[in-house]
All heavy atoms as atom14 arrays in JSON, in Angstrom:
{
  "sequence": "LGVTGAAFTDIGSLWGIDSTGINLRDDSTPRGSVGFGIAWTSPFGP",
  "atom14_mask": [
    [1, 1, 1, 1, 1, 1, 1, 1, 0, 0, 0, 0, 0, 0],
    [1, 1, 1, 1, 0, 0, 0, 0, 0, 0, 0, 0, 0, 0],
    [1, 1, 1, 1, 1, 1, 1, 0, 0, 0, 0, 0, 0, 0],
    [1, 1, 1, 1, 1, 1, 1, 0, 0, 0, 0, 0, 0, 0],
    [1, 1, 1, 1, 0, 0, 0, 0, 0, 0, 0, 0, 0, 0],
    [1, 1, 1, 1, 1, 0, 0, 0, 0, 0, 0, 0, 0, 0],
    [1, 1, 1, 1, 1, 0, 0, 0, 0, 0, 0, 0, 0, 0],
    [1, 1, 1, 1, 1, 1, 1, 1, 1, 1, 1, 0, 0, 0],
    [1, 1, 1, 1, 1, 1, 1, 0, 0, 0, 0, 0, 0, 0],
    [1, 1, 1, 1, 1, 1, 1, 1, 0, 0, 0, 0, 0, 0],
    [1, 1, 1, 1, 1, 1, 1, 1, 0, 0, 0, 0, 0, 0],
    [1, 1, 1, 1, 0, 0, 0, 0, 0, 0, 0, 0, 0, 0],
    [1, 1, 1, 1, 1, 1, 0, 0, 0, 0, 0, 0, 0, 0],
    [1, 1, 1, 1, 1, 1, 1, 1, 0, 0, 0, 0, 0, 0],
    [1, 1, 1, 1, 1, 1, 1, 1, 1, 1, 1, 1, 1, 1],
    [1, 1, 1, 1, 0, 0, 0, 0, 0, 0, 0, 0, 0, 0],
    [1, 1, 1, 1, 1, 1, 1, 1, 0, 0, 0, 0, 0, 0],
    [1, 1, 1, 1, 1, 1, 1, 1, 0, 0, 0, 0, 0, 0],
    [1, 1, 1, 1, 1, 1, 0, 0, 0, 0, 0, 0, 0, 0],
    [1, 1, 1, 1, 1, 1, 1, 0, 0, 0, 0, 0, 0, 0],
    [1, 1, 1, 1, 0, 0, 0, 0, 0, 0, 0, 0, 0, 0],
    [1, 1, 1, 1, 1, 1, 1, 1, 0, 0, 0, 0, 0, 0],
    [1, 1, 1, 1, 1, 1, 1, 1, 0, 0, 0, 0, 0, 0],
    [1, 1, 1, 1, 1, 1, 1, 1, 0, 0, 0, 0, 0, 0],
    [1, 1, 1, 1, 1, 1, 1, 1, 1, 1, 1, 0, 0, 0],
    [1, 1, 1, 1, 1, 1, 1, 1, 0, 0, 0, 0, 0, 0],
    [1, 1, 1, 1, 1, 1, 1, 1, 0, 0, 0, 0, 0, 0],
    [1, 1, 1, 1, 1, 1, 0, 0, 0, 0, 0, 0, 0, 0],
    [1, 1, 1, 1, 1, 1, 1, 0, 0, 0, 0, 0, 0, 0],
    [1, 1, 1, 1, 1, 1, 1, 0, 0, 0, 0, 0, 0, 0],
    [1, 1, 1, 1, 1, 1, 1, 1, 1, 1, 1, 0, 0, 0],
    [1, 1, 1, 1, 0, 0, 0, 0, 0, 0, 0, 0, 0, 0],
    [1, 1, 1, 1, 1, 1, 0, 0, 0, 0, 0, 0, 0, 0],
    [1, 1, 1, 1, 1, 1, 1, 0, 0, 0, 0, 0, 0, 0],
    [1, 1, 1, 1, 0, 0, 0, 0, 0, 0, 0, 0, 0, 0],
    [1, 1, 1, 1, 1, 1, 1, 1, 1, 1, 1, 0, 0, 0],
    [1, 1, 1, 1, 0, 0, 0, 0, 0, 0, 0, 0, 0, 0],
    [1, 1, 1, 1, 1, 1, 1, 1, 0, 0, 0, 0, 0, 0],
    [1, 1, 1, 1, 1, 0, 0, 0, 0, 0, 0, 0, 0, 0],
    [1, 1, 1, 1, 1, 1, 1, 1, 1, 1, 1, 1, 1, 1],
    [1, 1, 1, 1, 1, 1, 1, 0, 0, 0, 0, 0, 0, 0],
    [1, 1, 1, 1, 1, 1, 0, 0, 0, 0, 0, 0, 0, 0],
    [1, 1, 1, 1, 1, 1, 1, 0, 0, 0, 0, 0, 0, 0],
    [1, 1, 1, 1, 1, 1, 1, 1, 1, 1, 1, 0, 0, 0],
    [1, 1, 1, 1, 0, 0, 0, 0, 0, 0, 0, 0, 0, 0],
    [1, 1, 1, 1, 1, 1, 1, 0, 0, 0, 0, 0, 0, 0]
  ],
  "atom14_positions": [
    [[0.82, -1.21, 0.0], [0.0, 0.0, 0.0], [0.85, 1.26, 0.0], [0.39, 2.32, -0.4], [-0.93, 0.01, 1.22], [-2.03, -1.05, 1.25], [-2.85, -0.93, 2.53], [-2.95, -0.89, 0.04], [0.0, 0.0, 0.0], [0.0, 0.0, 0.0], [0.0, 0.0, 0.0], [0.0, 0.0, 0.0], [0.0, 0.0, 0.0], [0.0, 0.0, 0.0]],
    [[2.09, 1.16, 0.47], [2.99, 2.32, 0.46], [2.63, 3.4, 1.46], [2.95, 4.58, 1.24], [0.0, 0.0, 0.0], [0.0, 0.0, 0.0], [0.0, 0.0, 0.0], [0.0, 0.0, 0.0], [0.0, 0.0, 0.0], [0.0, 0.0, 0.0], [0.0, 0.0, 0.0], [0.0, 0.0, 0.0], [0.0, 0.0, 0.0], [0.0, 0.0, 0.0]],
    [[1.97, 3.03, 2.57], [1.55, 4.01, 3.57], [2.5, 3.94, 4.77], [2.73, 2.87, 5.34], [0.11, 3.75, 4.03], [-0.31, 4.78, 5.09], [-0.85, 3.82, 2.85], [0.0, 0.0, 0.0], [0.0, 0.0, 0.0], [0.0, 0.0, 0.0], [0.0, 0.0, 0.0], [0.0, 0.0, 0.0], [0.0, 0.0, 0.0], [0.0, 0.0, 0.0]],
    [[3.07, 5.07, 5.14], [3.98, 5.15, 6.29], [3.59, 6.33, 7.17], [2.88, 7.24, 6.74], [5.45, 5.33, 5.84], [5.55, 6.51, 5.03], [5.92, 4.12, 5.04], [0.0, 0.0, 0.0], [0.0, 0.0, 0.0], [0.0, 0.0, 0.0], [0.0, 0.0, 0.0], [0.0, 0.0, 0.0], [0.0, 0.0, 0.0], [0.0, 0.0, 0.0]],
    [[4.06, 6.29, 8.41], [3.78, 7.36, 9.36], [5.04, 8.1, 9.72], [6.16, 7.64, 9.47], [0.0, 0.0, 0.0], [0.0, 0.0, 0.0], [0.0, 0.0, 0.0], [0.0, 0.0, 0.0], [0.0, 0.0, 0.0], [0.0, 0.0, 0.0], [0.0, 0.0, 0.0], [0.0, 0.0, 0.0], [0.0, 0.0, 0.0], [0.0, 0.0, 0.0]],
    [[4.88, 9.27, 10.33], [6.03, 10.08, 10.75], [5.63, 10.95, 11.93], [4.51, 11.48, 11.98], [6.52, 10.95, 9.6], [0.0, 0.0, 0.0], [0.0, 0.0, 0.0], [0.0, 0.0, 0.0], [0.0, 0.0, 0.0], [0.0, 0.0, 0.0], [0.0, 0.0, 0.0], [0.0, 0.0, 0.0], [0.0, 0.0, 0.0], [0.0, 0.0, 0.0]],
    [[6.56, 11.08, 12.88], [6.43, 12.05, 13.97], [7.57, 13.05, 13.8], [8.71, 12.66, 13.52], [6.5, 11.36, 15.32], [0.0, 0.0, 0.0], [0.0, 0.0, 0.0], [0.0, 0.0, 0.0], [0.0, 0.0, 0.0], [0.0, 0.0, 0.0], [0.0, 0.0, 0.0], [0.0, 0.0, 0.0], [0.0, 0.0, 0.0], [0.0, 0.0, 0.0]],
    [[7.29, 14.35, 13.95], [8.31, 15.35, 13.59], [8.25, 16.55, 14.52], [7.24, 16.81, 15.2], [8.12, 15.8, 12.14], [6.81, 16.5, 11.89], [6.68, 17.87, 12.12], [5.71, 15.8, 11.43], [5.48, 18.52, 11.91], [4.5, 16.45, 11.21], [4.38, 17.81, 11.45], [0.0, 0.0, 0.0], [0.0, 0.0, 0.0], [0.0, 0.0, 0.0]],
    [[9.33, 17.3, 14.49], [9.37, 18.63, 15.07], [10.15, 19.54, 14.13], [11.18, 19.14, 13.58], [10.0, 18.63, 16.48], [10.04, 19.97, 17.0], [11.43, 18.09, 16.45], [0.0, 0.0, 0.0], [0.0, 0.0, 0.0], [0.0, 0.0, 0.0], [0.0, 0.0, 0.0], [0.0, 0.0, 0.0], [0.0, 0.0, 0.0], [0.0, 0.0, 0.0]],
    [[9.63, 20.74, 13.88], [10.25, 21.71, 12.99], [10.56, 23.0, 13.75], [9.85, 23.35, 14.71], [9.31, 22.07, 11.82], [9.01, 20.9, 10.91], [9.77, 19.92, 10.94], [8.02, 20.97, 10.16], [0.0, 0.0, 0.0], [0.0, 0.0, 0.0], [0.0, 0.0, 0.0], [0.0, 0.0, 0.0], [0.0, 0.0, 0.0], [0.0, 0.0, 0.0]],
    [[11.59, 23.69, 13.31], [11.92, 25.0, 13.87], [12.54, 25.85, 12.76], [13.2, 25.32, 11.86], [12.88, 24.87, 15.07], [13.02, 26.23, 15.78], [14.24, 24.32, 14.64], [13.79, 26.14, 17.09], [0.0, 0.0, 0.0], [0.0, 0.0, 0.0], [0.0, 0.0, 0.0], [0.0, 0.0, 0.0], [0.0, 0.0, 0.0], [0.0, 0.0, 0.0]],
    [[12.3, 27.15, 12.8], [12.86, 28.01, 11.77], [12.64, 29.47, 12.08], [11.9, 29.84, 13.0], [0.0, 0.0, 0.0], [0.0, 0.0, 0.0], [0.0, 0.0, 0.0], [0.0, 0.0, 0.0], [0.0, 0.0, 0.0], [0.0, 0.0, 0.0], [0.0, 0.0, 0.0], [0.0, 0.0, 0.0], [0.0, 0.0, 0.0], [0.0, 0.0, 0.0]],
    [[13.28, 30.33, 11.3], [13.13, 31.76, 11.47], [13.5, 32.46, 10.16], [14.26, 31.93, 9.35], [14.02, 32.28, 12.61], [13.82, 33.67, 12.83], [0.0, 0.0, 0.0], [0.0, 0.0, 0.0], [0.0, 0.0, 0.0], [0.0, 0.0, 0.0], [0.0, 0.0, 0.0], [0.0, 0.0, 0.0], [0.0, 0.0, 0.0], [0.0, 0.0, 0.0]],
    [[12.95, 33.66, 9.97], [13.22, 34.5, 8.81], [13.32, 35.94, 9.29], [12.43, 36.42, 9.99], [12.1, 34.36, 7.77], [12.15, 35.29, 6.56], [13.31, 34.93, 5.65], [10.82, 35.23, 5.79], [0.0, 0.0, 0.0], [0.0, 0.0, 0.0], [0.0, 0.0, 0.0], [0.0, 0.0, 0.0], [0.0, 0.0, 0.0], [0.0, 0.0, 0.0]],
    [[14.38, 36.63, 8.92], [14.55, 38.0, 9.42], [15.52, 38.77, 8.5], [16.14, 38.21, 7.62], [15.09, 37.99, 10.84], [16.55, 37.64, 10.96], [17.59, 38.5, 11.1], [17.13, 36.34, 10.93], [18.78, 37.82, 11.15], [18.53, 36.48, 11.05], [16.62, 35.04, 10.8], [19.41, 35.42, 11.06], [17.5, 33.96, 10.8], [18.86, 34.15, 10.93]],
    [[15.61, 40.07, 8.76], [16.56, 40.92, 8.04], [15.96, 41.52, 6.79], [15.57, 40.79, 5.88], [0.0, 0.0, 0.0], [0.0, 0.0, 0.0], [0.0, 0.0, 0.0], [0.0, 0.0, 0.0], [0.0, 0.0, 0.0], [0.0, 0.0, 0.0], [0.0, 0.0, 0.0], [0.0, 0.0, 0.0], [0.0, 0.0, 0.0], [0.0, 0.0, 0.0]],
    [[15.87, 42.84, 6.74], [15.36, 43.54, 5.57], [16.05, 44.9, 5.52], [16.33, 45.5, 6.55], [13.82, 43.67, 5.64], [13.25, 44.22, 4.33], [13.37, 44.49, 6.83], [11.74, 44.19, 4.26], [0.0, 0.0, 0.0], [0.0, 0.0, 0.0], [0.0, 0.0, 0.0], [0.0, 0.0, 0.0], [0.0, 0.0, 0.0], [0.0, 0.0, 0.0]],
    [[16.35, 45.37, 4.32], [17.1, 46.62, 4.19], [16.26, 47.85, 4.51], [16.8, 48.91, 4.85], [17.67, 46.73, 2.76], [18.64, 45.61, 2.45], [19.39, 45.23, 3.35], [18.64, 45.12, 1.31], [0.0, 0.0, 0.0], [0.0, 0.0, 0.0], [0.0, 0.0, 0.0], [0.0, 0.0, 0.0], [0.0, 0.0, 0.0], [0.0, 0.0, 0.0]],
    [[14.94, 47.75, 4.39], [14.07, 48.9, 4.62], [13.88, 49.15, 6.12], [14.07, 48.26, 6.95], [12.71, 48.67, 3.96], [12.84, 48.4, 2.58], [0.0, 0.0, 0.0], [0.0, 0.0, 0.0], [0.0, 0.0, 0.0], [0.0, 0.0, 0.0], [0.0, 0.0, 0.0], [0.0, 0.0, 0.0], [0.0, 0.0, 0.0], [0.0, 0.0, 0.0]],
    [[13.47, 50.37, 6.46], [13.14, 50.72, 7.84], [11.85, 51.52, 7.84], [11.49, 52.16, 6.84], [14.26, 51.58, 8.48], [14.48, 52.75, 7.68], [15.56, 50.78, 8.57], [0.0, 0.0, 0.0], [0.0, 0.0, 0.0], [0.0, 0.0, 0.0], [0.0, 0.0, 0.0], [0.0, 0.0, 0.0], [0.0, 0.0, 0.0], [0.0, 0.0, 0.0]],
    [[11.13, 51.49, 8.97], [9.88, 52.23, 9.08], [9.16, 51.89, 10.36], [9.4, 50.83, 10.96], [0.0, 0.0, 0.0], [0.0, 0.0, 0.0], [0.0, 0.0, 0.0], [0.0, 0.0, 0.0], [0.0, 0.0, 0.0], [0.0, 0.0, 0.0], [0.0, 0.0, 0.0], [0.0, 0.0, 0.0], [0.0, 0.0, 0.0], [0.0, 0.0, 0.0]],
    [[8.25, 52.75, 10.78], [7.56, 52.54, 12.06], [6.6, 51.37, 11.99], [6.26, 50.78, 13.02], [6.82, 53.82, 12.5], [5.79, 54.23, 11.42], [7.79, 54.95, 12.77], [4.91, 55.41, 11.86], [0.0, 0.0, 0.0], [0.0, 0.0, 0.0], [0.0, 0.0, 0.0], [0.0, 0.0, 0.0], [0.0, 0.0, 0.0], [0.0, 0.0, 0.0]],
    [[6.13, 51.01, 10.79], [5.17, 49.91, 10.65], [5.84, 48.57, 10.35], [5.15, 47.58, 10.12], [4.16, 50.22, 9.55], [3.28, 51.4, 9.88], [2.89, 51.58, 11.03], [2.97, 52.23, 8.88], [0.0, 0.0, 0.0], [0.0, 0.0, 0.0], [0.0, 0.0, 0.0], [0.0, 0.0, 0.0], [0.0, 0.0, 0.0], [0.0, 0.0, 0.0]],
    [[7.15, 48.58, 10.31], [7.88, 47.37, 9.95], [8.18, 46.53, 11.19], [8.78, 47.01, 12.15], [9.18, 47.73, 9.24], [10.08, 46.56, 8.81], [9.37, 45.71, 7.77], [11.4, 47.08, 8.25], [0.0, 0.0, 0.0], [0.0, 0.0, 0.0], [0.0, 0.0, 0.0], [0.0, 0.0, 0.0], [0.0, 0.0, 0.0], [0.0, 0.0, 0.0]],
    [[7.75, 45.28, 11.18], [8.08, 44.34, 12.25], [9.08, 43.33, 11.71], [8.81, 42.64, 10.74], [6.83, 43.62, 12.75], [7.11, 42.7, 13.97], [5.85, 41.96, 14.37], [5.46, 41.01, 13.34], [4.25, 40.45, 13.28], [3.32, 40.8, 14.15], [3.97, 39.59, 12.32], [0.0, 0.0, 0.0], [0.0, 0.0, 0.0], [0.0, 0.0, 0.0]],
    [[10.22, 43.26, 12.38], [11.3, 42.39, 11.91], [12.05, 41.85, 13.12], [12.75, 42.6, 13.8], [12.25, 43.16, 10.99], [13.41, 42.32, 10.47], [13.35, 41.08, 10.63], [14.36, 42.9, 9.94], [0.0, 0.0, 0.0], [0.0, 0.0, 0.0], [0.0, 0.0, 0.0], [0.0, 0.0, 0.0], [0.0, 0.0, 0.0], [0.0, 0.0, 0.0]],
    [[11.87, 40.56, 13.42], [12.62, 39.96, 14.53], [12.96, 38.52, 14.16], [12.34, 37.92, 13.28], [11.82, 40.0, 15.84], [10.62, 39.07, 15.84], [10.8, 37.87, 16.09], [9.49, 39.55, 15.57], [0.0, 0.0, 0.0], [0.0, 0.0, 0.0], [0.0, 0.0, 0.0], [0.0, 0.0, 0.0], [0.0, 0.0, 0.0], [0.0, 0.0, 0.0]],
    [[13.96, 38.0, 14.83], [14.47, 36.66, 14.49], [14.01, 35.59, 15.48], [14.65, 34.55, 15.6], [16.01, 36.7, 14.46], [16.52, 37.14, 15.71], [0.0, 0.0, 0.0], [0.0, 0.0, 0.0], [0.0, 0.0, 0.0], [0.0, 0.0, 0.0], [0.0, 0.0, 0.0], [0.0, 0.0, 0.0], [0.0, 0.0, 0.0], [0.0, 0.0, 0.0]],
    [[12.89, 35.83, 16.16], [12.38, 34.85, 17.12], [12.09, 33.52, 16.43], [11.41, 33.49, 15.4], [11.08, 35.37, 17.76], [11.33, 36.63, 18.38], [10.57, 34.39, 18.81], [0.0, 0.0, 0.0], [0.0, 0.0, 0.0], [0.0, 0.0, 0.0], [0.0, 0.0, 0.0], [0.0, 0.0, 0.0], [0.0, 0.0, 0.0], [0.0, 0.0, 0.0]],
    [[12.6, 32.4, 16.94], [12.34, 31.1, 16.3], [10.86, 30.74, 16.36], [10.16, 31.03, 17.33], [13.18, 30.12, 17.12], [14.17, 30.95, 17.85], [13.5, 32.27, 18.09], [0.0, 0.0, 0.0], [0.0, 0.0, 0.0], [0.0, 0.0, 0.0], [0.0, 0.0, 0.0], [0.0, 0.0, 0.0], [0.0, 0.0, 0.0], [0.0, 0.0, 0.0]],
    [[10.39, 30.1, 15.3], [9.04, 29.51, 15.27], [9.19, 28.0, 15.22], [10.1, 27.49, 14.56], [8.28, 29.98, 14.04], [7.44, 31.24, 14.24], [8.27, 32.45, 14.52], [7.44, 33.67, 14.52], [7.91, 34.87, 14.72], [9.22, 35.05, 14.95], [7.11, 35.92, 14.73], [0.0, 0.0, 0.0], [0.0, 0.0, 0.0], [0.0, 0.0, 0.0]],
    [[8.31, 27.29, 15.9], [8.44, 25.84, 15.96], [7.1, 25.14, 15.96], [6.05, 25.75, 16.2], [0.0, 0.0, 0.0], [0.0, 0.0, 0.0], [0.0, 0.0, 0.0], [0.0, 0.0, 0.0], [0.0, 0.0, 0.0], [0.0, 0.0, 0.0], [0.0, 0.0, 0.0], [0.0, 0.0, 0.0], [0.0, 0.0, 0.0], [0.0, 0.0, 0.0]],
    [[7.14, 23.84, 15.67], [5.93, 23.02, 15.69], [6.31, 21.57, 15.9], [7.44, 21.16, 15.65], [5.14, 23.17, 14.38], [5.9, 22.66, 13.28], [0.0, 0.0, 0.0], [0.0, 0.0, 0.0], [0.0, 0.0, 0.0], [0.0, 0.0, 0.0], [0.0, 0.0, 0.0], [0.0, 0.0, 0.0], [0.0, 0.0, 0.0], [0.0, 0.0, 0.0]],
    [[5.36, 20.79, 16.41], [5.5, 19.34, 16.51], [4.25, 18.72, 15.9], [3.17, 19.35, 15.9], [5.69, 18.86, 17.97], [7.0, 19.37, 18.53], [4.52, 19.32, 18.84], [0.0, 0.0, 0.0], [0.0, 0.0, 0.0], [0.0, 0.0, 0.0], [0.0, 0.0, 0.0], [0.0, 0.0, 0.0], [0.0, 0.0, 0.0], [0.0, 0.0, 0.0]],
    [[4.35, 17.52, 15.38], [3.18, 16.94, 14.77], [3.38, 15.5, 14.35], [4.44, 14.89, 14.57], [0.0, 0.0, 0.0], [0.0, 0.0, 0.0], [0.0, 0.0, 0.0], [0.0, 0.0, 0.0], [0.0, 0.0, 0.0], [0.0, 0.0, 0.0], [0.0, 0.0, 0.0], [0.0, 0.0, 0.0], [0.0, 0.0, 0.0], [0.0, 0.0, 0.0]],
    [[2.35, 14.97, 13.74], [2.32, 13.6, 13.24], [1.85, 13.64, 11.81], [0.98, 14.45, 11.45], [1.39, 12.74, 14.09], [1.16, 11.36, 13.54], [2.1, 10.36, 13.71], [0.01, 11.07, 12.83], [1.9, 9.09, 13.19], [-0.2, 9.8, 12.31], [0.75, 8.81, 12.5], [0.0, 0.0, 0.0], [0.0, 0.0, 0.0], [0.0, 0.0, 0.0]],
    [[2.43, 12.82, 10.95], [2.06, 12.83, 9.55], [1.88, 11.44, 8.98], [2.37, 10.44, 9.54], [0.0, 0.0, 0.0], [0.0, 0.0, 0.0], [0.0, 0.0, 0.0], [0.0, 0.0, 0.0], [0.0, 0.0, 0.0], [0.0, 0.0, 0.0], [0.0, 0.0, 0.0], [0.0, 0.0, 0.0], [0.0, 0.0, 0.0], [0.0, 0.0, 0.0]],
    [[1.18, 11.36, 7.88], [0.99, 10.11, 7.12], [1.37, 10.38, 5.68], [0.95, 11.38, 5.1], [-0.47, 9.62, 7.2], [-0.84, 9.26, 8.65], [-0.67, 8.4, 6.3], [-2.29, 8.87, 8.81], [0.0, 0.0, 0.0], [0.0, 0.0, 0.0], [0.0, 0.0, 0.0], [0.0, 0.0, 0.0], [0.0, 0.0, 0.0], [0.0, 0.0, 0.0]],
    [[2.18, 9.52, 5.1], [2.59, 9.63, 3.7], [2.12, 8.39, 2.95], [2.26, 7.26, 3.44], [4.1, 9.78, 3.58], [0.0, 0.0, 0.0], [0.0, 0.0, 0.0], [0.0, 0.0, 0.0], [0.0, 0.0, 0.0], [0.0, 0.0, 0.0], [0.0, 0.0, 0.0], [0.0, 0.0, 0.0], [0.0, 0.0, 0.0], [0.0, 0.0, 0.0]],
    [[1.58, 8.6, 1.76], [1.09, 7.5, 0.93], [1.71, 7.6, -0.45], [1.51, 8.59, -1.15], [-0.44, 7.56, 0.83], [-1.03, 6.51, -0.09], [-0.55, 5.25, -0.32], [-2.2, 6.64, -0.89], [-1.34, 4.59, -1.21], [-2.37, 5.41, -1.59], [-3.11, 7.67, -1.08], [-3.42, 5.21, -2.46], [-4.17, 7.46, -1.96], [-4.32, 6.23, -2.64]],
    [[2.48, 6.6, -0.83], [3.02, 6.51, -2.19], [1.93, 5.89, -3.06], [1.87, 4.68, -3.26], [4.31, 5.68, -2.22], [5.23, 6.21, -1.27], [4.95, 5.73, -3.59], [0.0, 0.0, 0.0], [0.0, 0.0, 0.0], [0.0, 0.0, 0.0], [0.0, 0.0, 0.0], [0.0, 0.0, 0.0], [0.0, 0.0, 0.0], [0.0, 0.0, 0.0]],
    [[1.05, 6.75, -3.55], [-0.14, 6.3, -4.27], [0.18, 6.06, -5.74], [1.24, 6.44, -6.23], [-1.24, 7.36, -4.15], [-0.95, 8.45, -5.01], [0.0, 0.0, 0.0], [0.0, 0.0, 0.0], [0.0, 0.0, 0.0], [0.0, 0.0, 0.0], [0.0, 0.0, 0.0], [0.0, 0.0, 0.0], [0.0, 0.0, 0.0], [0.0, 0.0, 0.0]],
    [[-0.75, 5.45, -6.48], [-0.56, 5.3, -7.93], [-0.46, 6.64, -8.65], [0.01, 6.7, -9.77], [-1.82, 4.53, -8.38], [-2.31, 3.85, -7.14], [-1.98, 4.75, -6.01], [0.0, 0.0, 0.0], [0.0, 0.0, 0.0], [0.0, 0.0, 0.0], [0.0, 0.0, 0.0], [0.0, 0.0, 0.0], [0.0, 0.0, 0.0], [0.0, 0.0, 0.0]],
    [[-0.89, 7.71, -7.99], [-0.85, 9.04, -8.61], [0.35, 9.86, -8.13], [0.46, 11.02, -8.48], [-2.14, 9.79, -8.27], [-3.38, 9.01, -8.61], [-4.11, 8.39, -7.61], [-3.81, 8.89, -9.91], [-5.25, 7.66, -7.91], [-4.95, 8.17, -10.22], [-5.67, 7.55, -9.22], [0.0, 0.0, 0.0], [0.0, 0.0, 0.0], [0.0, 0.0, 0.0]],
    [[1.21, 9.25, -7.31], [2.37, 9.98, -6.79], [2.29, 10.11, -5.29], [1.29, 9.75, -4.66], [0.0, 0.0, 0.0], [0.0, 0.0, 0.0], [0.0, 0.0, 0.0], [0.0, 0.0, 0.0], [0.0, 0.0, 0.0], [0.0, 0.0, 0.0], [0.0, 0.0, 0.0], [0.0, 0.0, 0.0], [0.0, 0.0, 0.0], [0.0, 0.0, 0.0]],
    [[3.36, 10.63, -4.66], [3.38, 10.76, -3.2], [2.34, 11.75, -2.7], [2.19, 12.85, -3.25], [4.8, 11.25, -2.9], [5.59, 10.94, -4.14], [4.61, 11.04, -5.27], [0.0, 0.0, 0.0], [0.0, 0.0, 0.0], [0.0, 0.0, 0.0], [0.0, 0.0, 0.0], [0.0, 0.0, 0.0], [0.0, 0.0, 0.0], [0.0, 0.0, 0.0]]
  ]
}
């Protein structure tokens, strides 16, 4: 059937811009998540 499971945790951040302004929010605080996934290698593709 090609069905598998996965448990994961992700972390990342995006920051830095050349522009400046009072309405600009720019910080490098990490963002993260944990979760569970299912992958199926189906006849139509993953």
